[in-house]
Protein backbone atom coordinates (compact mmCIF):
# COMPACT_ATOMS: atom_id res chain seq x y z
CA MET A 1 50.47 157.85 79.80
CA PHE A 2 48.47 154.92 78.51
CA PRO A 3 47.68 152.01 80.82
CA LYS A 4 49.80 148.91 80.41
CA VAL A 5 48.38 146.30 78.09
CA GLU A 6 47.68 142.84 79.46
CA VAL A 7 47.20 140.03 76.97
CA LEU A 8 45.58 136.83 78.21
CA ALA A 9 47.78 133.80 77.62
CA ARG A 10 46.46 130.87 75.64
CA LYS A 11 46.14 127.49 77.28
CA PRO A 12 49.55 125.76 77.39
CA ALA A 13 47.98 122.53 76.15
CA ASP A 14 47.96 124.00 72.63
CA ASN A 15 51.71 123.74 72.37
CA ALA A 16 52.71 121.37 75.17
CA SER A 17 53.98 118.87 72.64
CA GLY A 18 55.75 121.43 70.47
CA PRO A 19 59.41 120.77 69.74
CA ARG A 20 60.59 124.28 70.67
CA ARG A 21 60.16 125.95 74.03
CA CYS A 22 61.53 129.14 75.54
CA VAL A 23 64.79 128.33 77.29
CA ASN A 24 63.98 130.79 80.08
CA THR A 25 60.23 130.35 80.73
CA GLU A 26 59.69 126.83 79.32
CA ARG A 27 56.70 128.21 77.40
CA GLY A 28 55.70 126.88 74.03
CA PRO A 29 56.07 129.11 70.95
CA SER A 30 52.56 130.61 70.91
CA ASP A 31 52.49 131.47 74.66
CA HIS A 32 56.05 132.74 74.55
CA LEU A 33 55.49 135.00 71.55
CA LEU A 34 52.24 136.24 73.08
CA ALA A 35 54.19 137.37 76.15
CA GLN A 36 56.70 139.14 73.88
CA GLU A 37 53.79 140.78 72.07
CA THR A 38 52.68 142.22 75.42
CA ARG A 39 56.15 143.68 75.92
CA VAL A 40 56.08 145.28 72.48
CA LEU A 41 52.63 146.80 73.04
CA ASN A 42 53.70 148.21 76.40
CA LEU A 43 56.78 149.75 74.78
CA LEU A 44 54.60 151.40 72.15
CA MET A 45 51.90 152.66 74.53
CA SER A 46 54.08 153.61 77.50
CA PRO A 47 57.31 155.06 76.10
CA ARG A 48 59.93 156.28 78.54
CA PRO A 49 60.16 160.06 78.94
CA GLY A 50 62.76 161.50 76.59
CA ARG A 51 63.02 158.36 74.46
CA THR A 52 63.39 159.19 70.79
CA VAL A 53 61.68 157.36 67.95
CA ARG A 54 65.05 155.86 67.07
CA GLY A 55 65.47 154.60 70.61
CA LEU A 56 61.97 153.14 70.60
CA ILE A 57 62.62 151.29 67.34
CA GLY A 58 65.87 149.96 68.77
CA ALA A 59 64.04 148.68 71.86
CA LEU A 60 61.40 147.00 69.69
CA VAL A 61 64.06 145.30 67.55
CA GLU A 62 65.90 144.08 70.65
CA THR A 63 62.65 142.74 72.14
CA ALA A 64 61.92 140.79 68.94
CA ALA A 65 65.49 139.47 68.82
CA ASP A 66 65.23 138.33 72.46
CA ALA A 67 62.00 136.49 71.66
CA LEU A 68 63.58 134.56 68.79
CA ARG A 69 66.84 133.83 70.60
CA SER A 70 65.12 132.45 73.70
CA LEU A 71 63.02 130.07 71.59
CA ALA A 72 66.16 128.24 70.44
CA PRO A 73 66.45 124.73 71.88
CA ALA A 74 68.47 124.78 75.10
CA ASP A 75 70.65 121.86 74.02
CA GLN A 76 71.41 123.20 70.55
CA PRO A 77 75.22 123.12 70.18
CA GLN A 78 76.88 126.27 68.96
CA PRO A 79 79.18 125.78 65.94
CA GLU A 80 82.87 125.76 66.76
CA ILE A 81 84.64 128.72 65.15
CA ALA A 82 88.11 128.08 63.70
CA PRO A 83 90.72 130.87 63.64
CA ASP A 84 91.19 132.88 60.45
CA PRO A 85 93.88 131.69 58.02
CA ALA A 86 97.07 133.71 57.68
CA ASP A 87 96.24 135.19 54.27
CA VAL A 88 92.99 137.05 55.07
CA TYR A 89 92.48 140.51 53.61
CA THR A 90 94.20 143.45 55.24
CA ASP A 91 92.17 146.56 56.06
CA ASP A 92 93.27 148.18 52.79
CA GLU A 93 92.41 145.10 50.71
CA MET A 94 88.88 144.56 52.06
CA PRO A 95 86.28 144.30 49.25
CA GLU A 96 83.12 146.38 49.34
CA THR A 97 80.32 145.07 51.55
CA GLU A 98 78.06 144.61 48.50
CA ALA A 99 80.69 142.40 46.83
CA ILE A 100 81.02 140.30 49.99
CA GLU A 101 77.23 139.89 50.24
CA LEU A 102 76.99 138.83 46.58
CA ALA A 103 79.82 136.33 47.07
CA ALA A 104 78.13 134.91 50.20
CA VAL A 105 74.80 134.51 48.37
CA GLU A 106 76.49 132.75 45.45
CA TYR A 107 78.55 130.53 47.79
CA GLU A 108 75.47 129.46 49.75
CA ARG A 109 73.54 128.80 46.52
CA ALA A 110 76.38 126.73 45.06
CA ALA A 111 76.96 124.86 48.36
CA ASP A 112 73.26 124.01 48.60
CA ALA A 113 73.23 122.80 44.98
CA ALA A 114 76.33 120.67 45.70
CA ARG A 115 74.71 119.15 48.81
CA ARG A 116 71.59 118.27 46.84
CA ALA A 117 73.72 116.81 44.03
CA ASP A 118 75.70 114.70 46.53
CA ARG A 119 72.49 113.34 48.05
CA GLY A 120 71.22 112.45 44.58
CA LYS A 121 74.50 110.75 43.65
CA ARG A 122 74.54 108.71 46.87
CA ALA A 123 70.97 107.54 46.29
CA ALA A 124 71.73 106.54 42.69
CA ARG A 125 74.99 104.76 43.61
CA LYS A 126 73.14 102.46 46.01
CA ILE A 127 71.82 100.76 42.87
CA LEU A 128 74.58 101.43 40.33
CA ASP A 129 77.62 100.51 42.46
CA ARG A 130 76.61 96.82 42.62
CA LEU A 131 75.78 96.42 38.95
CA PRO A 132 78.14 94.42 36.73
CA ALA A 133 79.34 96.31 33.67
CA GLY A 134 76.83 96.13 30.85
CA ILE A 135 74.06 97.88 28.94
CA TYR A 136 70.80 98.45 30.79
CA GLY A 137 68.07 99.89 28.59
CA THR A 138 69.58 103.01 27.04
CA TRP A 139 72.42 103.33 29.57
CA ARG A 140 75.84 101.68 29.60
CA VAL A 141 77.30 101.10 33.07
CA PHE A 142 81.08 100.58 33.30
CA ARG A 143 84.12 101.59 35.34
CA THR A 144 87.38 103.26 34.37
CA PRO A 145 90.66 103.13 36.32
CA SER A 146 91.42 106.22 38.39
CA SER A 147 94.59 108.24 37.90
CA ARG A 148 94.38 109.65 41.41
CA GLN A 149 96.41 108.15 44.23
CA THR A 150 95.97 108.27 47.99
CA PRO A 151 98.25 107.10 50.82
CA ASP A 152 97.70 103.46 51.79
CA LEU A 153 97.05 103.97 55.51
CA VAL A 154 96.78 100.24 56.19
CA GLU A 155 100.26 99.63 54.77
CA ILE A 156 101.70 102.73 56.42
CA THR A 157 100.31 101.64 59.79
CA ARG A 158 101.80 98.16 59.29
CA ILE A 159 105.24 99.65 58.54
CA PHE A 160 105.07 101.97 61.57
CA LYS A 161 104.14 99.07 63.88
CA ALA A 162 106.79 96.77 62.41
CA ASN A 163 109.50 99.36 63.06
CA ASN A 164 108.17 100.63 66.43
CA LEU A 165 107.72 104.14 65.03
CA GLY A 166 104.64 104.90 67.12
CA PRO A 167 101.31 106.11 65.74
CA VAL A 168 100.99 107.32 62.19
CA PRO A 169 101.30 111.15 62.12
CA MET A 170 98.00 112.83 61.33
CA LYS A 171 97.01 116.43 60.71
CA SER A 172 93.67 118.20 60.72
CA CYS A 173 92.00 119.12 57.45
CA ALA A 174 91.54 122.75 56.51
CA PRO A 175 88.57 124.43 58.25
CA SER A 176 85.31 124.45 56.31
CA LEU A 177 84.15 127.83 55.04
CA LYS A 178 80.56 128.61 56.09
CA VAL A 179 78.26 131.55 55.43
CA GLU A 180 75.12 132.37 57.40
CA LEU A 181 72.49 135.02 56.73
CA VAL A 182 71.91 137.30 59.73
CA ASP A 183 69.04 139.75 60.09
CA THR A 184 70.70 142.13 62.53
CA VAL A 185 74.15 142.54 64.04
CA PRO A 186 73.87 142.22 67.85
CA ALA A 187 74.75 145.29 69.90
CA GLY A 188 78.38 145.40 71.01
CA ILE A 189 79.72 143.55 67.95
CA GLU A 190 82.29 145.55 66.04
CA THR A 191 82.09 145.50 62.26
CA LEU A 192 84.67 145.96 59.53
CA ALA A 193 83.30 147.23 56.21
CA GLY A 194 79.86 146.24 57.47
CA VAL A 195 80.99 142.74 58.45
CA ALA A 196 80.89 141.56 62.06
CA VAL A 197 84.37 140.85 63.43
C-alpha cells in the first residue's frame, strides 16, 4: 500500500472574498477543491482490496460530483418542478434517446436566441415607443392597430364588484418547459430510454 497523500492547503485569504464557498466546510473554491484533490489522490494510491477498476472510476466520479455539488451557494433555491401533463409519451411511444437529446439542444439554442432577441427588442423599444410617427433618417416609425383581443380585467373586476360576485376567477398558466444539460445521472435515479425519471 502507498502512504496517504497530504496536500498543504493554501491560505484562506486567497479566496475569502470569493462569492462561492463550500456549504459544508465554508472553504473557498481553491481550498475546497484542493481538499477534494487529496481525496482523489488517496483513492488512486490506496485502493480498497478487491475494488475493480470500474469501481475505482465510479468512486472518482462521485468524489468529483460531491466537490461540485457542495460548492453551490447554500441559499440557492431549487427550481420548482411541475407535474407532467396528461398527454406525455407512453412507454411504447418514447422517442430514441438521440432524438430527445437533439431536440433538447435545439430547444435550448432557440430559447437562448429568443431571450437575446427579447432583450434587444426591449432595449430598442425604450427609444422607439415614445417616438411620434414619422421618418427618421432611413427608417419610418409608425403603429398599426392590433387584431388581437384580450379580456379587459379592469372592466371585469368592476362588474364583479358591482354585482357582489366575489373575486375574478383566475387560473394558472401552463408550466414552462425547461431543458438542462447534465453531466452524469446521480446514483439511485431511474431512467427511461436513457432519460432520468
